[in-house]
Amino acid sequence: MPSLNVSFSDEEMEGVRAAAAAEGKSLKQYLHDLGVREMHRKQFVAGATAWADRLRQEFDEAFPDEAPSARRGGVAAA
């Protein structure tokens, strides 16, 4: 299984250790989960953005005064 050595300053390491302890995890498990969580967050944001893009025109037509539209130059209605 691939592994990785990561360098931290003393201050950074203190913060990372405290964060891991606060979650009740070992340092190794905390750093692993942090990377995986970020990967999942990016996948979620990409999916949500694609979903919003697919529905944008329908929303703009149904609620023309509710959200900025490309037709209005991206400026929110007052």
Protein backbone atom coordinates (compact mmCIF):
# COMPACT_ATOMS: atom_id res chain seq x y z
CA MET A 1 0.00 0.00 0.00
CA PRO A 2 1.41 3.43 -0.90
CA SER A 3 2.38 5.71 1.94
CA LEU A 4 3.61 9.25 2.32
CA ASN A 5 5.89 11.22 4.61
CA VAL A 6 4.61 14.71 5.35
CA SER A 7 6.61 17.45 7.07
CA PHE A 8 5.04 19.91 9.52
CA SER A 9 6.47 22.74 11.57
CA ASP A 10 6.33 22.18 15.33
CA GLU A 11 3.36 24.54 15.58
CA GLU A 12 1.52 22.83 12.71
CA MET A 13 2.17 19.39 14.21
CA GLU A 14 0.78 20.53 17.55
CA GLY A 15 -2.40 21.70 15.84
CA VAL A 16 -2.76 18.51 13.80
CA ARG A 17 -2.25 16.33 16.88
CA ALA A 18 -4.87 18.34 18.79
CA ALA A 19 -7.35 18.02 15.90
CA ALA A 20 -6.78 14.26 15.70
CA ALA A 21 -7.23 13.90 19.46
CA ALA A 22 -10.43 15.96 19.33
CA GLU A 23 -11.86 13.45 16.85
CA GLY A 24 -10.59 10.50 18.87
CA LYS A 25 -8.35 9.31 16.05
CA SER A 26 -4.73 8.44 15.66
CA LEU A 27 -2.65 10.95 13.75
CA LYS A 28 -2.33 8.50 10.86
CA GLN A 29 -6.08 7.84 10.67
CA TYR A 30 -6.91 11.54 11.00
CA LEU A 31 -4.63 12.55 8.11
CA HIS A 32 -5.93 9.68 5.98
CA ASP A 33 -9.55 10.66 6.62
CA LEU A 34 -8.80 14.33 5.98
CA GLY A 35 -7.49 13.58 2.49
CA VAL A 36 -10.37 11.25 1.66
CA ARG A 37 -12.91 13.77 3.02
CA GLU A 38 -11.46 16.50 0.81
CA MET A 39 -11.64 14.22 -2.24
CA HIS A 40 -15.32 13.50 -1.47
CA ARG A 41 -16.03 17.20 -0.92
CA LYS A 42 -14.62 18.06 -4.35
CA GLN A 43 -16.68 15.30 -5.98
CA PHE A 44 -19.81 16.59 -4.25
CA VAL A 45 -19.18 20.19 -5.32
CA ALA A 46 -18.55 19.12 -8.92
CA GLY A 47 -21.80 17.10 -8.93
CA ALA A 48 -23.81 19.91 -7.33
CA THR A 49 -22.42 22.41 -9.84
CA ALA A 50 -23.32 20.15 -12.77
CA TRP A 51 -26.83 19.65 -11.34
CA ALA A 52 -27.30 23.42 -10.89
CA ASP A 53 -26.06 24.09 -14.41
CA ARG A 54 -28.60 21.62 -15.81
CA LEU A 55 -31.45 23.33 -13.94
CA ARG A 56 -30.36 26.97 -14.26
CA GLN A 57 -32.44 27.84 -17.33
CA GLU A 58 -35.57 26.19 -15.93
CA PHE A 59 -35.12 28.04 -12.61
CA ASP A 60 -34.49 31.38 -14.31
CA GLU A 61 -37.65 30.96 -16.37
CA ALA A 62 -39.77 29.96 -13.36
CA PHE A 63 -38.36 32.64 -11.02
CA PRO A 64 -37.02 35.49 -13.16
CA ASP A 65 -36.63 37.91 -10.22
CA GLU A 66 -35.11 35.48 -7.71
CA ALA A 67 -31.53 34.98 -8.83
CA PRO A 68 -28.96 36.69 -11.02
CA SER A 69 -28.98 35.40 -14.54
CA ALA A 70 -26.46 35.50 -17.34
CA ARG A 71 -29.09 37.49 -19.25
CA ARG A 72 -28.86 40.23 -16.62
CA GLY A 73 -25.09 40.29 -16.48
CA GLY A 74 -24.91 38.39 -13.18
CA VAL A 75 -26.16 41.36 -11.15
CA ALA A 76 -28.72 40.53 -8.47
CA ALA A 77 -32.08 42.23 -8.76
CA ALA A 78 -32.69 44.80 -6.01
